[in-house]
Amino acid sequence: MGKLPNLSHRLKTRKCCSVVTFFLIVSAFLSCGFYKESDSSGSSKFRMERMLPDQDQLEKGRLDVPLISANLSKLIVARRYPRPGDVDCQNFTISLFQENTFNPVGLVSYPGSGNTWLRHLIEFSTGVFTGSVYMDEDLLAKGFLGEKEAWDSGSTVVQKLHLKYSPAYKFPSSILLIREPYPAIISFVHFKESGHLGFAQVSTLHHKKWPDYVLGQTFNWMSLIISWVKSPSKLHIVHYEKLIADTKNELLKICKFLNVPCAYINSACFEKNMDGLFHRKTKIKPPPPAKLEESVLNKIIAGENYISNLLVRHGHDPLPVELYQYHREVFKSR
């Protein structure tokens, strides 16, 4: 039988447990470190020695077409042609800049929320590499050259992380990417078992502890969001479902927040490469997870409602629950 990622204890939740009691139970687990940040980020896999890309991937010098301004283009230290064989992309480059060109901007999300895809969209719409507090060799090999840069070097425009807010990572500004929790949890489990493009085993998704694991991870999802919404970091929130539905407009908002133009967002190259290389293939049907009882789904929805109200209290839009798959299914069945 498949093993659930990092599930070493049983969450003591019962069907008769009220939502309030459930919150208290999982909060206790969080406070005692049952679900560790390092586990959810996959950092044990990614904290490895940094390596340089092949030099033939890079071309020293300035951009032929000004990216942001003539002065800023002088700060480019390396650039890459990501699609050299495509006539629509033959002049398109993504660039690394001198250190201290940009202020650090966290690109924060619960794992499985589409962080890598959003990095791809930012790179292809702005022509600037993104970075990370981790070091993923798979991403580096596929052209995310910002992986090799120190997260606080200022050479990349945003930096990926899956951690709760901490003063250890000094991000004056941050982008918080939020996805419906249950699909994000499923995507995260797929990644933990089979990497960026694979799928988890059916035995994992139908494990007897699956509902407990989902509830625990829902609180990881909540805990991360709460910490950043209440943090001193200037925050721009992106909802994955809105990014899917209206990609260009959501990217334009991001570029405005970053004060970096989406110089290539209307190009044929961008249009042809919106999916990126790390989207799981929709033609391959993933194994379905076990059906959750309504009591479990109700607790997930209670968590969504709490986060939605928190966002509104802090001046942000509520969660777009009308676009949430499982949220809609619960209310449709009533």
Protein backbone atom coordinates (compact mmCIF):
# COMPACT_ATOMS: atom_id res chain seq x y z
CA MET A 1 0.00 0.00 0.00
CA GLY A 2 1.35 3.48 -0.87
CA LYS A 3 2.66 5.63 1.92
CA LEU A 4 1.40 9.15 2.41
CA PRO A 5 4.19 11.77 2.29
CA ASN A 6 5.57 12.56 5.77
CA LEU A 7 2.55 11.04 7.49
CA SER A 8 4.11 9.49 10.58
CA HIS A 9 1.24 9.89 13.02
CA ARG A 10 -2.53 9.57 12.88
CA LEU A 11 -4.57 12.71 13.26
CA LYS A 12 -7.17 12.00 15.92
CA THR A 13 -10.20 13.42 14.20
CA ARG A 14 -13.59 11.78 14.36
CA LYS A 15 -16.67 12.21 12.22
CA CYS A 16 -18.54 13.66 15.17
CA CYS A 17 -15.84 16.25 15.75
CA SER A 18 -17.08 19.79 15.34
CA VAL A 19 -15.29 22.25 13.06
CA VAL A 20 -14.08 24.21 16.10
CA THR A 21 -12.67 21.10 17.76
CA PHE A 22 -11.03 20.14 14.50
CA PHE A 23 -9.29 23.51 14.28
CA LEU A 24 -7.98 23.13 17.84
CA ILE A 25 -6.66 19.63 17.21
CA VAL A 26 -4.74 20.51 14.07
CA SER A 27 -3.47 23.76 15.57
CA ALA A 28 -1.93 21.66 18.32
CA PHE A 29 -0.20 19.49 15.73
CA LEU A 30 1.14 22.59 13.98
CA SER A 31 2.46 24.06 17.20
CA CYS A 32 4.34 20.90 18.09
CA GLY A 33 5.97 20.72 14.67
CA PHE A 34 4.15 17.68 13.27
CA TYR A 35 3.99 19.25 9.82
CA LYS A 36 7.37 20.85 9.24
CA GLU A 37 8.06 23.62 6.77
CA SER A 38 11.05 21.78 5.38
CA ASP A 39 8.84 18.82 4.55
CA SER A 40 6.26 20.79 2.58
CA SER A 41 8.88 22.63 0.58
CA GLY A 42 10.76 19.52 -0.47
CA SER A 43 13.94 21.31 0.56
CA SER A 44 15.75 18.07 1.41
CA LYS A 45 15.68 17.26 -2.30
CA PHE A 46 16.61 20.71 -3.54
CA ARG A 47 19.29 21.93 -1.12
CA MET A 48 22.23 20.67 -3.09
CA GLU A 49 25.40 22.20 -4.44
CA ARG A 50 24.73 24.92 -6.99
CA MET A 51 26.00 24.29 -10.49
CA LEU A 52 26.52 26.54 -13.49
CA PRO A 53 24.59 25.90 -16.72
CA ASP A 54 26.41 25.01 -19.90
CA GLN A 55 28.05 28.13 -21.25
CA ASP A 56 26.55 27.63 -24.71
CA GLN A 57 23.16 28.33 -23.12
CA LEU A 58 24.24 31.84 -22.31
CA GLU A 59 25.33 34.81 -24.36
CA LYS A 60 27.16 37.63 -22.67
CA GLY A 61 26.17 41.18 -23.53
CA ARG A 62 23.22 43.48 -23.94
CA LEU A 63 19.75 42.81 -25.28
CA ASP A 64 19.15 43.84 -28.87
CA VAL A 65 15.71 45.13 -27.87
CA PRO A 66 15.51 47.22 -24.68
CA LEU A 67 13.77 45.13 -22.03
CA ILE A 68 12.91 47.78 -19.45
CA SER A 69 15.04 50.78 -20.30
CA ALA A 70 18.33 51.49 -22.01
CA ASN A 71 20.01 52.03 -18.63
CA LEU A 72 18.65 48.82 -17.12
CA SER A 73 19.59 46.76 -20.17
CA LYS A 74 23.22 47.66 -19.44
CA LEU A 75 22.93 45.65 -16.21
CA ILE A 76 22.29 42.36 -18.02
CA VAL A 77 25.10 39.88 -17.39
CA ALA A 78 23.72 36.84 -19.24
CA ARG A 79 20.82 35.92 -21.45
CA ARG A 80 19.32 32.78 -22.91
CA TYR A 81 17.28 32.06 -26.04
CA PRO A 82 14.72 29.57 -24.67
CA ARG A 83 13.18 28.60 -28.04
CA PRO A 84 15.92 29.20 -30.66
CA GLY A 85 14.33 26.90 -33.25
CA ASP A 86 10.94 28.64 -33.20
CA VAL A 87 10.60 31.44 -35.76
CA ASP A 88 8.23 33.31 -33.42
CA CYS A 89 10.75 33.15 -30.56
CA GLN A 90 14.10 33.41 -32.33
CA ASN A 91 14.72 36.96 -31.04
CA PHE A 92 13.21 36.38 -27.59
CA THR A 93 15.60 36.18 -24.64
CA ILE A 94 15.33 35.78 -20.88
CA SER A 95 18.03 37.61 -18.94
CA LEU A 96 19.94 37.53 -15.68
CA PHE A 97 20.93 40.89 -14.25
CA GLN A 98 23.76 42.20 -12.14
CA GLU A 99 23.44 41.69 -8.41
CA ASN A 100 21.31 44.25 -6.57
CA THR A 101 19.37 45.18 -9.72
CA PHE A 102 16.07 44.12 -8.12
CA ASN A 103 14.81 44.07 -4.56
CA PRO A 104 13.91 40.57 -3.34
CA VAL A 105 10.25 39.72 -3.96
CA GLY A 106 8.94 36.44 -2.58
CA LEU A 107 6.78 34.28 -4.84
CA VAL A 108 5.04 32.35 -2.08
CA SER A 109 2.62 29.45 -2.26
CA TYR A 110 1.60 26.19 -0.68
CA PRO A 111 3.25 23.44 -2.78
CA GLY A 112 1.15 22.29 -5.72
CA SER A 113 -0.40 25.70 -6.28
CA GLY A 114 1.20 26.47 -9.65
CA ASN A 115 4.33 28.32 -8.51
CA THR A 116 6.55 26.92 -11.27
CA TRP A 117 3.97 27.72 -13.92
CA LEU A 118 3.64 31.30 -12.68
CA ARG A 119 7.44 31.65 -12.75
CA HIS A 120 7.37 30.50 -16.37
CA LEU A 121 4.66 33.04 -17.23
CA ILE A 122 6.59 35.86 -15.56
CA GLU A 123 9.77 34.94 -17.40
CA PHE A 124 8.09 34.70 -20.81
CA SER A 125 6.10 37.91 -20.36
CA THR A 126 8.92 40.07 -18.93
CA GLY A 127 12.10 38.49 -20.29
CA VAL A 128 13.61 38.40 -16.77
CA PHE A 129 14.62 35.23 -14.95
CA THR A 130 12.97 34.25 -11.68
CA GLY A 131 14.79 32.66 -8.75
CA SER A 132 14.19 30.46 -5.74
CA VAL A 133 15.27 29.89 -2.16
CA TYR A 134 15.78 26.25 -3.19
CA MET A 135 17.88 24.69 -5.92
CA ASP A 136 15.93 22.35 -8.20
CA GLU A 137 18.21 20.67 -10.71
CA ASP A 138 15.25 19.57 -12.84
CA LEU A 139 14.14 23.18 -13.24
CA LEU A 140 17.70 24.36 -13.91
CA ALA A 141 18.13 21.72 -16.62
CA LYS A 142 14.91 22.89 -18.28
CA GLY A 143 16.06 26.49 -18.49
CA PHE A 144 15.18 28.13 -15.16
CA LEU A 145 18.67 29.59 -14.88
CA GLY A 146 17.70 31.73 -11.90
CA GLU A 147 17.83 28.52 -9.82
CA LYS A 148 21.60 28.90 -9.57
CA GLU A 149 21.42 32.45 -8.23
CA ALA A 150 21.32 33.30 -4.52
CA TRP A 151 17.73 34.19 -3.67
CA ASP A 152 18.72 37.60 -2.29
CA SER A 153 21.28 38.49 -4.95
CA GLY A 154 18.95 40.91 -6.77
CA SER A 155 19.64 39.30 -10.14
CA THR A 156 16.15 37.77 -10.52
CA VAL A 157 12.76 39.45 -10.43
CA VAL A 158 10.95 37.12 -7.94
CA GLN A 159 12.04 34.22 -5.74
CA LYS A 160 10.02 31.06 -5.09
CA LEU A 161 9.39 29.68 -1.60
CA HIS A 162 6.87 27.41 0.12
CA LEU A 163 7.44 28.58 3.68
CA LYS A 164 5.51 30.55 6.25
CA TYR A 165 6.65 34.12 6.72
CA SER A 166 9.91 34.44 8.63
CA PRO A 167 12.19 37.43 9.26
CA ALA A 168 15.01 35.16 8.05
CA TYR A 169 13.80 35.81 4.51
CA LYS A 170 13.72 39.57 4.17
CA PHE A 171 11.15 40.22 1.47
CA PRO A 172 9.96 43.84 1.46
CA SER A 173 7.33 42.76 -1.09
CA SER A 174 5.80 39.40 -1.90
CA ILE A 175 3.37 37.73 -4.27
CA LEU A 176 1.14 35.17 -2.58
CA LEU A 177 -0.26 32.55 -4.97
CA ILE A 178 -3.36 30.81 -3.60
CA ARG A 179 -5.06 27.73 -5.06
CA GLU A 180 -8.10 25.80 -3.85
CA PRO A 181 -6.62 23.63 -1.08
CA TYR A 182 -7.76 20.14 -2.06
CA PRO A 183 -6.50 20.24 -5.71
CA ALA A 184 -3.26 21.80 -4.44
CA ILE A 185 -2.83 18.99 -1.90
CA ILE A 186 -3.43 16.36 -4.60
CA SER A 187 -0.92 18.06 -6.90
CA PHE A 188 1.62 18.21 -4.08
CA VAL A 189 1.24 14.47 -3.41
CA HIS A 190 1.70 13.75 -7.13
CA PHE A 191 4.94 15.75 -7.01
CA LYS A 192 6.22 14.09 -3.84
CA GLU A 193 5.75 10.64 -5.34
CA SER A 194 6.60 11.17 -8.99
CA GLY A 195 8.17 14.57 -9.56
CA HIS A 196 7.01 17.52 -11.61
CA LEU A 197 5.17 15.57 -14.31
CA GLY A 198 4.21 12.25 -12.73
CA PHE A 199 1.29 11.01 -10.66
CA ALA A 200 0.91 9.39 -7.27
CA GLN A 201 -0.13 5.76 -6.90
CA VAL A 202 -3.79 4.90 -6.48
CA SER A 203 -2.89 3.18 -3.19
CA THR A 204 -1.62 6.50 -1.85
CA LEU A 205 -4.71 8.44 -2.83
CA HIS A 206 -6.94 5.73 -1.36
CA HIS A 207 -4.93 5.19 1.81
CA LYS A 208 -7.05 4.78 4.94
CA LYS A 209 -5.38 7.85 6.42
CA TRP A 210 -5.96 9.97 3.32
CA PRO A 211 -8.80 12.06 4.84
CA ASP A 212 -6.71 12.81 7.94
CA TYR A 213 -3.73 13.72 5.80
CA VAL A 214 -5.87 16.07 3.68
CA LEU A 215 -7.18 17.82 6.78
CA GLY A 216 -3.69 18.25 8.18
CA GLN A 217 -2.41 19.66 4.90
CA THR A 218 -5.41 21.99 4.74
CA PHE A 219 -4.10 23.53 7.93
CA ASN A 220 -0.62 23.80 6.43
CA TRP A 221 -2.29 25.67 3.56
CA MET A 222 -4.11 27.94 6.03
CA SER A 223 -1.07 28.48 8.22
CA LEU A 224 1.11 29.62 5.32
CA ILE A 225 -1.51 32.06 4.02
CA ILE A 226 -2.24 33.49 7.46
CA SER A 227 1.45 34.12 8.16
CA TRP A 228 1.94 36.11 4.94
CA VAL A 229 -1.31 38.05 5.12
CA LYS A 230 -0.35 39.18 8.62
CA SER A 231 3.31 39.78 7.73
CA PRO A 232 4.92 43.21 7.22
CA SER A 233 5.72 42.29 3.61
CA LYS A 234 3.81 44.34 1.03
CA LEU A 235 1.53 41.74 -0.51
CA HIS A 236 0.00 41.12 -3.91
CA ILE A 237 -2.33 38.12 -4.03
CA VAL A 238 -2.81 35.97 -7.12
CA HIS A 239 -5.51 33.32 -7.26
CA TYR A 240 -4.57 30.29 -9.35
CA GLU A 241 -8.12 29.87 -10.66
CA LYS A 242 -8.21 33.49 -11.87
CA LEU A 243 -4.77 33.04 -13.44
CA ILE A 244 -6.17 30.09 -15.40
CA ALA A 245 -9.30 31.99 -16.44
CA ASP A 246 -7.70 35.35 -17.34
CA THR A 247 -3.96 34.80 -17.63
CA LYS A 248 -2.92 38.01 -19.34
CA ASN A 249 -4.85 40.40 -17.09
CA GLU A 250 -3.54 38.67 -13.97
CA LEU A 251 0.01 38.92 -15.31
CA LEU A 252 -0.41 42.61 -16.08
CA LYS A 253 -1.39 43.16 -12.44
CA ILE A 254 1.72 41.26 -11.35
CA CYS A 255 3.96 43.31 -13.64
CA LYS A 256 2.46 46.51 -12.26
CA PHE A 257 3.16 45.32 -8.72
CA LEU A 258 6.76 44.46 -9.70
CA ASN A 259 7.16 47.71 -11.64
CA VAL A 260 8.48 45.64 -14.54
CA PRO A 261 6.72 45.78 -17.93
CA CYS A 262 5.14 42.68 -19.46
CA ALA A 263 7.05 43.54 -22.61
CA TYR A 264 6.32 40.29 -24.43
CA ILE A 265 2.82 39.44 -23.21
CA ASN A 266 1.21 40.10 -26.61
CA SER A 267 3.92 38.38 -28.63
CA ALA A 268 3.36 35.22 -30.66
CA CYS A 269 6.15 33.60 -28.65
CA PHE A 270 4.29 34.14 -25.39
CA GLU A 271 1.01 32.91 -26.86
CA LYS A 272 2.65 29.66 -28.01
CA ASN A 273 4.41 29.00 -24.72
CA MET A 274 1.84 29.78 -22.05
CA ASP A 275 1.69 26.21 -20.70
CA GLY A 276 5.40 25.79 -19.96
CA LEU A 277 7.30 22.53 -19.61
CA PHE A 278 6.08 21.47 -16.18
CA HIS A 279 2.31 21.30 -16.67
CA ARG A 280 1.06 17.74 -16.19
CA LYS A 281 -0.38 16.51 -19.47
CA THR A 282 -4.16 16.87 -19.54
CA LYS A 283 -4.42 13.99 -22.04
CA ILE A 284 -3.19 11.61 -19.33
CA LYS A 285 -5.94 10.94 -16.84
CA PRO A 286 -4.55 11.02 -13.29
CA PRO A 287 -5.71 8.43 -10.76
CA PRO A 288 -8.73 9.80 -8.87
CA PRO A 289 -8.37 10.30 -5.11
CA ALA A 290 -10.70 8.58 -2.69
CA LYS A 291 -14.01 10.36 -2.30
CA LEU A 292 -14.05 12.44 0.85
CA GLU A 293 -16.99 12.31 3.19
CA GLU A 294 -19.08 15.45 3.37
CA SER A 295 -17.96 16.05 6.96
CA VAL A 296 -14.34 16.27 5.76
CA LEU A 297 -15.24 18.56 2.87
CA ASN A 298 -17.19 20.77 5.26
CA LYS A 299 -14.06 21.23 7.38
CA ILE A 300 -12.05 22.16 4.30
CA ILE A 301 -14.73 24.68 3.33
CA ALA A 302 -14.72 26.07 6.87
CA GLY A 303 -10.99 26.68 6.44
CA GLU A 304 -11.59 28.35 3.08
CA ASN A 305 -14.21 30.61 4.64
CA TYR A 306 -11.82 31.58 7.44
CA ILE A 307 -9.10 32.51 4.92
CA SER A 308 -11.57 34.38 2.73
CA ASN A 309 -12.74 36.49 5.66
CA LEU A 310 -9.14 37.10 6.72
CA LEU A 311 -8.26 38.38 3.25
CA VAL A 312 -11.19 40.80 3.27
CA ARG A 313 -10.27 42.08 6.74
CA HIS A 314 -6.79 42.89 5.43
CA GLY A 315 -8.04 44.72 2.35
CA HIS A 316 -7.80 41.93 -0.23
CA ASP A 317 -10.41 40.26 -2.42
CA PRO A 318 -12.04 37.14 -0.97
CA LEU A 319 -11.23 33.67 -2.27
CA PRO A 320 -12.92 33.04 -5.65
CA VAL A 321 -14.82 30.04 -4.25
CA GLU A 322 -17.22 30.20 -7.20
CA LEU A 323 -14.29 28.85 -9.23
CA TYR A 324 -13.38 26.13 -6.72
CA GLN A 325 -14.15 22.65 -8.00
CA TYR A 326 -14.78 20.84 -4.72
CA HIS A 327 -16.42 23.82 -3.06
CA ARG A 328 -19.01 23.89 -5.86
CA GLU A 329 -19.55 20.14 -5.78
CA VAL A 330 -20.40 20.18 -2.08
CA PHE A 331 -23.04 22.85 -2.46
CA LYS A 332 -24.37 21.32 -5.67
CA SER A 333 -25.09 18.07 -3.83
CA ARG A 334 -27.18 19.83 -1.18
